[in-house]
Amino acid sequence: MVFKDYLVNSTSTLSETLKKLESLSFDILLLFVIDDTGKLVGAVTDGDIRRGLITGVDVNDSVHQVMNKKVVYT
């Protein structure tokens, strides 16, 4: 596992993010969302994206709209 494979920029579209999730092994279906400076700003799962799409978010919208912003790490 290469850590950078689990990173996505907050400006990435939902479509790009879904493609990245699909390319991962099925052990971990989570991506960490970073900003342009590399700071962790959230996390996103396929479920987050699915719930966003159900509520009207478009696949061309940014992942920032559906990500979990309450990420805690130590």
PDB file of N, CA and C in Angstrom:
ATOM      1  N   MET A   1       0.843  -1.184   0.000  1.00  0.00           N
ATOM      2  CA  MET A   1       0.000   0.000   0.000  1.00  0.00           C
ATOM      3  C   MET A   1       0.885   1.243   0.000  1.00  0.00           C
ATOM      4  N   VAL A   2       0.619   2.140  -0.911  1.00  0.00           N
ATOM      5  CA  VAL A   2       1.304   3.422  -0.979  1.00  0.00           C
ATOM      6  C   VAL A   2       0.326   4.482  -0.495  1.00  0.00           C
ATOM      7  N   PHE A   3       0.741   5.227   0.518  1.00  0.00           N
ATOM      8  CA  PHE A   3      -0.167   6.183   1.157  1.00  0.00           C
ATOM      9  C   PHE A   3      -0.765   7.164   0.166  1.00  0.00           C
ATOM     10  N   LYS A   4       0.022   7.644  -0.798  1.00  0.00           N
ATOM     11  CA  LYS A   4      -0.486   8.649  -1.738  1.00  0.00           C
ATOM     12  C   LYS A   4      -1.642   8.113  -2.588  1.00  0.00           C
ATOM     13  N   ASP A   5      -1.755   6.794  -2.701  1.00  0.00           N
ATOM     14  CA  ASP A   5      -2.882   6.207  -3.426  1.00  0.00           C
ATOM     15  C   ASP A   5      -4.204   6.478  -2.727  1.00  0.00           C
ATOM     16  N   TYR A   6      -4.157   6.844  -1.460  1.00  0.00           N
ATOM     17  CA  TYR A   6      -5.360   7.074  -0.663  1.00  0.00           C
ATOM     18  C   TYR A   6      -5.643   8.560  -0.441  1.00  0.00           C
ATOM     19  N   LEU A   7      -5.016   9.411  -1.265  1.00  0.00           N
ATOM     20  CA  LEU A   7      -5.220  10.853  -1.170  1.00  0.00           C
ATOM     21  C   LEU A   7      -5.959  11.361  -2.391  1.00  0.00           C
ATOM     22  N   VAL A   8      -6.816  12.330  -2.180  1.00  0.00           N
ATOM     23  CA  VAL A   8      -7.511  13.000  -3.272  1.00  0.00           C
ATOM     24  C   VAL A   8      -7.602  14.480  -2.907  1.00  0.00           C
ATOM     25  N   ASN A   9      -7.470  15.338  -3.907  1.00  0.00           N
ATOM     26  CA  ASN A   9      -7.545  16.775  -3.673  1.00  0.00           C
ATOM     27  C   ASN A   9      -9.003  17.186  -3.482  1.00  0.00           C
ATOM     28  N   SER A  10      -9.219  18.189  -2.663  1.00  0.00           N
ATOM     29  CA  SER A  10     -10.586  18.636  -2.354  1.00  0.00           C
ATOM     30  C   SER A  10     -11.295  19.211  -3.574  1.00  0.00           C
ATOM     31  N   THR A  11     -10.555  19.557  -4.622  1.00  0.00           N
ATOM     32  CA  THR A  11     -11.174  20.090  -5.834  1.00  0.00           C
ATOM     33  C   THR A  11     -11.477  18.990  -6.859  1.00  0.00           C
ATOM     34  N   SER A  12     -11.117  17.747  -6.564  1.00  0.00           N
ATOM     35  CA  SER A  12     -11.411  16.644  -7.474  1.00  0.00           C
ATOM     36  C   SER A  12     -12.915  16.455  -7.593  1.00  0.00           C
ATOM     37  N   THR A  13     -13.353  16.053  -8.771  1.00  0.00           N
ATOM     38  CA  THR A  13     -14.780  15.812  -8.963  1.00  0.00           C
ATOM     39  C   THR A  13     -15.171  14.482  -8.324  1.00  0.00           C
ATOM     40  N   LEU A  14     -16.463  14.316  -8.122  1.00  0.00           N
ATOM     41  CA  LEU A  14     -16.952  13.044  -7.583  1.00  0.00           C
ATOM     42  C   LEU A  14     -16.646  11.911  -8.556  1.00  0.00           C
ATOM     43  N   SER A  15     -16.723  12.184  -9.830  1.00  0.00           N
ATOM     44  CA  SER A  15     -16.417  11.176 -10.830  1.00  0.00           C
ATOM     45  C   SER A  15     -14.960  10.714 -10.708  1.00  0.00           C
ATOM     46  N   GLU A  16     -14.036  11.652 -10.593  1.00  0.00           N
ATOM     47  CA  GLU A  16     -12.615  11.314 -10.421  1.00  0.00           C
ATOM     48  C   GLU A  16     -12.390  10.536  -9.125  1.00  0.00           C
ATOM     49  N   THR A  17     -13.077  10.951  -8.079  1.00  0.00           N
ATOM     50  CA  THR A  17     -12.931  10.307  -6.780  1.00  0.00           C
ATOM     51  C   THR A  17     -13.463   8.877  -6.811  1.00  0.00           C
ATOM     52  N   LEU A  18     -14.593   8.665  -7.467  1.00  0.00           N
ATOM     53  CA  LEU A  18     -15.141   7.314  -7.600  1.00  0.00           C
ATOM     54  C   LEU A  18     -14.189   6.401  -8.368  1.00  0.00           C
ATOM     55  N   LYS A  19     -13.579   6.937  -9.418  1.00  0.00           N
ATOM     56  CA  LYS A  19     -12.614   6.145 -10.188  1.00  0.00           C
ATOM     57  C   LYS A  19     -11.420   5.760  -9.319  1.00  0.00           C
ATOM     58  N   LYS A  20     -10.973   6.678  -8.489  1.00  0.00           N
ATOM     59  CA  LYS A  20      -9.844   6.382  -7.606  1.00  0.00           C
ATOM     60  C   LYS A  20     -10.238   5.333  -6.563  1.00  0.00           C
ATOM     61  N   LEU A  21     -11.427   5.464  -5.996  1.00  0.00           N
ATOM     62  CA  LEU A  21     -11.910   4.468  -5.031  1.00  0.00           C
ATOM     63  C   LEU A  21     -11.996   3.091  -5.685  1.00  0.00           C
ATOM     64  N   GLU A  22     -12.459   3.046  -6.915  1.00  0.00           N
ATOM     65  CA  GLU A  22     -12.608   1.784  -7.638  1.00  0.00           C
ATOM     66  C   GLU A  22     -11.254   1.106  -7.872  1.00  0.00           C
ATOM     67  N   SER A  23     -10.205   1.897  -7.991  1.00  0.00           N
ATOM     68  CA  SER A  23      -8.876   1.337  -8.262  1.00  0.00           C
ATOM     69  C   SER A  23      -8.205   0.756  -7.015  1.00  0.00           C
ATOM     70  N   LEU A  24      -8.760   1.039  -5.835  1.00  0.00           N
ATOM     71  CA  LEU A  24      -8.167   0.560  -4.590  1.00  0.00           C
ATOM     72  C   LEU A  24      -8.554  -0.885  -4.321  1.00  0.00           C
ATOM     73  N   SER A  25      -7.788  -1.508  -3.453  1.00  0.00           N
ATOM     74  CA  SER A  25      -8.174  -2.853  -3.010  1.00  0.00           C
ATOM     75  C   SER A  25      -9.441  -2.718  -2.176  1.00  0.00           C
ATOM     76  N   PHE A  26     -10.138  -3.816  -2.005  1.00  0.00           N
ATOM     77  CA  PHE A  26     -11.390  -3.755  -1.252  1.00  0.00           C
ATOM     78  C   PHE A  26     -11.171  -3.787   0.249  1.00  0.00           C
ATOM     79  N   ASP A  27      -9.918  -3.784   0.697  1.00  0.00           N
ATOM     80  CA  ASP A  27      -9.635  -3.752   2.133  1.00  0.00           C
ATOM     81  C   ASP A  27      -9.996  -2.403   2.739  1.00  0.00           C
ATOM     82  N   ILE A  28      -9.673  -1.339   2.010  1.00  0.00           N
ATOM     83  CA  ILE A  28      -9.902   0.014   2.514  1.00  0.00           C
ATOM     84  C   ILE A  28     -10.603   0.812   1.429  1.00  0.00           C
ATOM     85  N   LEU A  29     -11.843   1.198   1.655  1.00  0.00           N
ATOM     86  CA  LEU A  29     -12.569   2.014   0.690  1.00  0.00           C
ATOM     87  C   LEU A  29     -12.788   3.405   1.255  1.00  0.00           C
ATOM     88  N   LEU A  30     -11.676   4.076   1.498  1.00  0.00           N
ATOM     89  CA  LEU A  30     -11.666   5.394   2.097  1.00  0.00           C
ATOM     90  C   LEU A  30     -10.564   6.198   1.445  1.00  0.00           C
ATOM     91  N   LEU A  31     -10.847   7.450   1.150  1.00  0.00           N
ATOM     92  CA  LEU A  31      -9.819   8.359   0.659  1.00  0.00           C
ATOM     93  C   LEU A  31      -9.706   9.528   1.619  1.00  0.00           C
ATOM     94  N   PHE A  32      -8.492   9.991   1.820  1.00  0.00           N
ATOM     95  CA  PHE A  32      -8.251  11.174   2.631  1.00  0.00           C
ATOM     96  C   PHE A  32      -8.212  12.370   1.693  1.00  0.00           C
ATOM     97  N   VAL A  33      -8.917  13.424   2.057  1.00  0.00           N
ATOM     98  CA  VAL A  33      -9.036  14.610   1.212  1.00  0.00           C
ATOM     99  C   VAL A  33      -8.057  15.667   1.723  1.00  0.00           C
ATOM    100  N   ILE A  34      -7.242  16.173   0.801  1.00  0.00           N
ATOM    101  CA  ILE A  34      -6.257  17.206   1.153  1.00  0.00           C
ATOM    102  C   ILE A  34      -6.525  18.463   0.332  1.00  0.00           C
ATOM    103  N   ASP A  35      -6.032  19.585   0.844  1.00  0.00           N
ATOM    104  CA  ASP A  35      -6.147  20.830   0.079  1.00  0.00           C
ATOM    105  C   ASP A  35      -4.902  21.008  -0.776  1.00  0.00           C
ATOM    106  N   ASP A  36      -4.775  22.144  -1.432  1.00  0.00           N
ATOM    107  CA  ASP A  36      -3.654  22.383  -2.335  1.00  0.00           C
ATOM    108  C   ASP A  36      -2.303  22.448  -1.629  1.00  0.00           C
ATOM    109  N   THR A  37      -2.315  22.671  -0.311  1.00  0.00           N
ATOM    110  CA  THR A  37      -1.059  22.717   0.440  1.00  0.00           C
ATOM    111  C   THR A  37      -0.693  21.361   1.038  1.00  0.00           C
ATOM    112  N   GLY A  38      -1.559  20.364   0.855  1.00  0.00           N
ATOM    113  CA  GLY A  38      -1.312  19.034   1.402  1.00  0.00           C
ATOM    114  C   GLY A  38      -1.890  18.812   2.784  1.00  0.00           C
ATOM    115  N   LYS A  39      -2.641  19.793   3.286  1.00  0.00           N
ATOM    116  CA  LYS A  39      -3.260  19.675   4.611  1.00  0.00           C
ATOM    117  C   LYS A  39      -4.495  18.781   4.536  1.00  0.00           C
ATOM    118  N   LEU A  40      -4.637  17.895   5.502  1.00  0.00           N
ATOM    119  CA  LEU A  40      -5.810  17.031   5.589  1.00  0.00           C
ATOM    120  C   LEU A  40      -7.030  17.876   5.929  1.00  0.00           C
ATOM    121  N   VAL A  41      -8.068  17.778   5.083  1.00  0.00           N
ATOM    122  CA  VAL A  41      -9.281  18.561   5.316  1.00  0.00           C
ATOM    123  C   VAL A  41     -10.523  17.688   5.450  1.00  0.00           C
ATOM    124  N   GLY A  42     -10.390  16.381   5.204  1.00  0.00           N
ATOM    125  CA  GLY A  42     -11.544  15.508   5.324  1.00  0.00           C
ATOM    126  C   GLY A  42     -11.256  14.099   4.853  1.00  0.00           C
ATOM    127  N   ALA A  43     -12.309  13.314   4.814  1.00  0.00           N
ATOM    128  CA  ALA A  43     -12.237  11.937   4.323  1.00  0.00           C
ATOM    129  C   ALA A  43     -13.531  11.655   3.574  1.00  0.00           C
ATOM    130  N   VAL A  44     -13.464  10.715   2.636  1.00  0.00           N
ATOM    131  CA  VAL A  44     -14.650  10.402   1.845  1.00  0.00           C
ATOM    132  C   VAL A  44     -14.696   8.906   1.551  1.00  0.00           C
ATOM    133  N   THR A  45     -15.895   8.356   1.588  1.00  0.00           N
ATOM    134  CA  THR A  45     -16.119   6.951   1.246  1.00  0.00           C
ATOM    135  C   THR A  45     -17.096   6.894   0.078  1.00  0.00           C
ATOM    136  N   ASP A  46     -17.251   5.706  -0.478  1.00  0.00           N
ATOM    137  CA  ASP A  46     -18.234   5.562  -1.551  1.00  0.00           C
ATOM    138  C   ASP A  46     -19.638   5.854  -1.028  1.00  0.00           C
ATOM    139  N   GLY A  47     -19.901   5.547   0.222  1.00  0.00           N
ATOM    140  CA  GLY A  47     -21.203   5.848   0.826  1.00  0.00           C
ATOM    141  C   GLY A  47     -21.477   7.340   0.908  1.00  0.00           C
ATOM    142  N   ASP A  48     -20.450   8.124   1.235  1.00  0.00           N
ATOM    143  CA  ASP A  48     -20.601   9.584   1.267  1.00  0.00           C
ATOM    144  C   ASP A  48     -20.999  10.102  -0.110  1.00  0.00           C
ATOM    145  N   ILE A  49     -20.337   9.569  -1.140  1.00  0.00           N
ATOM    146  CA  ILE A  49     -20.633  10.000  -2.505  1.00  0.00           C
ATOM    147  C   ILE A  49     -22.029   9.567  -2.912  1.00  0.00           C
ATOM    148  N   ARG A  50     -22.387   8.334  -2.586  1.00  0.00           N
ATOM    149  CA  ARG A  50     -23.722   7.820  -2.916  1.00  0.00           C
ATOM    150  C   ARG A  50     -24.806   8.679  -2.267  1.00  0.00           C
ATOM    151  N   ARG A  51     -24.643   9.005  -1.002  1.00  0.00           N
ATOM    152  CA  ARG A  51     -25.634   9.841  -0.307  1.00  0.00           C
ATOM    153  C   ARG A  51     -25.710  11.229  -0.943  1.00  0.00           C
ATOM    154  N   GLY A  52     -24.569  11.765  -1.360  1.00  0.00           N
ATOM    155  CA  GLY A  52     -24.565  13.063  -2.036  1.00  0.00           C
ATOM    156  C   GLY A  52     -25.319  13.024  -3.347  1.00  0.00           C
ATOM    157  N   LEU A  53     -25.093  11.974  -4.124  1.00  0.00           N
ATOM    158  CA  LEU A  53     -25.782  11.844  -5.409  1.00  0.00           C
ATOM    159  C   LEU A  53     -27.288  11.719  -5.227  1.00  0.00           C
ATOM    160  N   ILE A  54     -27.705  10.998  -4.197  1.00  0.00           N
ATOM    161  CA  ILE A  54     -29.133  10.835  -3.915  1.00  0.00           C
ATOM    162  C   ILE A  54     -29.782  12.178  -3.578  1.00  0.00           C
ATOM    163  N   THR A  55     -29.034  13.057  -2.924  1.00  0.00           N
ATOM    164  CA  THR A  55     -29.588  14.354  -2.525  1.00  0.00           C
ATOM    165  C   THR A  55     -29.405  15.441  -3.581  1.00  0.00           C
ATOM    166  N   GLY A  56     -28.878  15.068  -4.767  1.00  0.00           N
ATOM    167  CA  GLY A  56     -28.819  16.038  -5.857  1.00  0.00           C
ATOM    168  C   GLY A  56     -27.443  16.563  -6.226  1.00  0.00           C
ATOM    169  N   VAL A  57     -26.407  16.132  -5.542  1.00  0.00           N
ATOM    170  CA  VAL A  57     -25.061  16.541  -5.924  1.00  0.00           C
ATOM    171  C   VAL A  57     -24.727  15.855  -7.250  1.00  0.00           C
ATOM    172  N   ASP A  58     -24.034  16.553  -8.129  1.00  0.00           N
ATOM    173  CA  ASP A  58     -23.703  16.035  -9.459  1.00  0.00           C
ATOM    174  C   ASP A  58     -22.311  15.408  -9.460  1.00  0.00           C
ATOM    175  N   VAL A  59     -22.082  14.436 -10.340  1.00  0.00           N
ATOM    176  CA  VAL A  59     -20.777  13.765 -10.407  1.00  0.00           C
ATOM    177  C   VAL A  59     -19.659  14.717 -10.827  1.00  0.00           C
ATOM    178  N   ASN A  60     -20.018  15.882 -11.381  1.00  0.00           N
ATOM    179  CA  ASN A  60     -19.009  16.868 -11.762  1.00  0.00           C
ATOM    180  C   ASN A  60     -18.723  17.885 -10.659  1.00  0.00           C
ATOM    181  N   ASP A  61     -19.446  17.783  -9.540  1.00  0.00           N
ATOM    182  CA  ASP A  61     -19.189  18.653  -8.384  1.00  0.00           C
ATOM    183  C   ASP A  61     -17.961  18.154  -7.637  1.00  0.00           C
ATOM    184  N   SER A  62     -17.392  19.008  -6.810  1.00  0.00           N
ATOM    185  CA  SER A  62     -16.167  18.634  -6.089  1.00  0.00           C
ATOM    186  C   SER A  62     -16.468  17.732  -4.897  1.00  0.00           C
ATOM    187  N   VAL A  63     -15.489  16.925  -4.572  1.00  0.00           N
ATOM    188  CA  VAL A  63     -15.602  16.002  -3.446  1.00  0.00           C
ATOM    189  C   VAL A  63     -15.797  16.768  -2.132  1.00  0.00           C
ATOM    190  N   HIS A  64     -15.369  18.012  -2.115  1.00  0.00           N
ATOM    191  CA  HIS A  64     -15.505  18.854  -0.919  1.00  0.00           C
ATOM    192  C   HIS A  64     -16.955  18.929  -0.450  1.00  0.00           C
ATOM    193  N   GLN A  65     -17.907  18.800  -1.376  1.00  0.00           N
ATOM    194  CA  GLN A  65     -19.327  18.913  -1.028  1.00  0.00           C
ATOM    195  C   GLN A  65     -19.864  17.718  -0.255  1.00  0.00           C
ATOM    196  N   VAL A  66     -19.234  16.565  -0.369  1.00  0.00           N
ATOM    197  CA  VAL A  66     -19.767  15.367   0.291  1.00  0.00           C
ATOM    198  C   VAL A  66     -18.835  14.765   1.328  1.00  0.00           C
ATOM    199  N   MET A  67     -17.624  15.288   1.439  1.00  0.00           N
ATOM    200  CA  MET A  67     -16.649  14.679   2.341  1.00  0.00           C
ATOM    201  C   MET A  67     -17.018  14.903   3.803  1.00  0.00           C
ATOM    202  N   ASN A  68     -16.502  14.046   4.654  1.00  0.00           N
ATOM    203  CA  ASN A  68     -16.649  14.196   6.095  1.00  0.00           C
ATOM    204  C   ASN A  68     -15.546  15.130   6.564  1.00  0.00           C
ATOM    205  N   LYS A  69     -15.927  16.279   7.078  1.00  0.00           N
ATOM    206  CA  LYS A  69     -14.953  17.295   7.493  1.00  0.00           C
ATOM    207  C   LYS A  69     -14.495  17.116   8.932  1.00  0.00           C
ATOM    208  N   LYS A  70     -15.083  16.165   9.648  1.00  0.00           N
ATOM    209  CA  LYS A  70     -14.758  15.951  11.069  1.00  0.00           C
ATOM    210  C   LYS A  70     -13.792  14.796  11.239  1.00  0.00           C
ATOM    211  N   VAL A  71     -12.668  14.884  10.567  1.00  0.00           N
ATOM    212  CA  VAL A  71     -11.653  13.838  10.648  1.00  0.00           C
ATOM    213  C   VAL A  71     -10.759  14.091  11.854  1.00  0.00           C
ATOM    214  N   VAL A  72     -10.591  13.077  12.674  1.00  0.00           N
ATOM    215  CA  VAL A  72      -9.745  13.191  13.864  1.00  0.00           C
ATOM    216  C   VAL A  72      -8.551  12.281  13.687  1.00  0.00           C
ATOM    217  N   TYR A  73      -7.372  12.800  13.907  1.00  0.00           N
ATOM    218  CA  TYR A  73      -6.163  11.986  13.831  1.00  0.00           C
ATOM    219  C   TYR A  73      -5.203  12.436  14.906  1.00  0.00           C
ATOM    220  N   THR A  74      -4.313  11.534  15.266  1.00  0.00           N
ATOM    221  CA  THR A  74      -3.329  11.868  16.307  1.00  0.00           C
ATOM    222  C   THR A  74      -1.932  11.562  15.830  1.00  0.00           C
TER     223      THR A  74
END
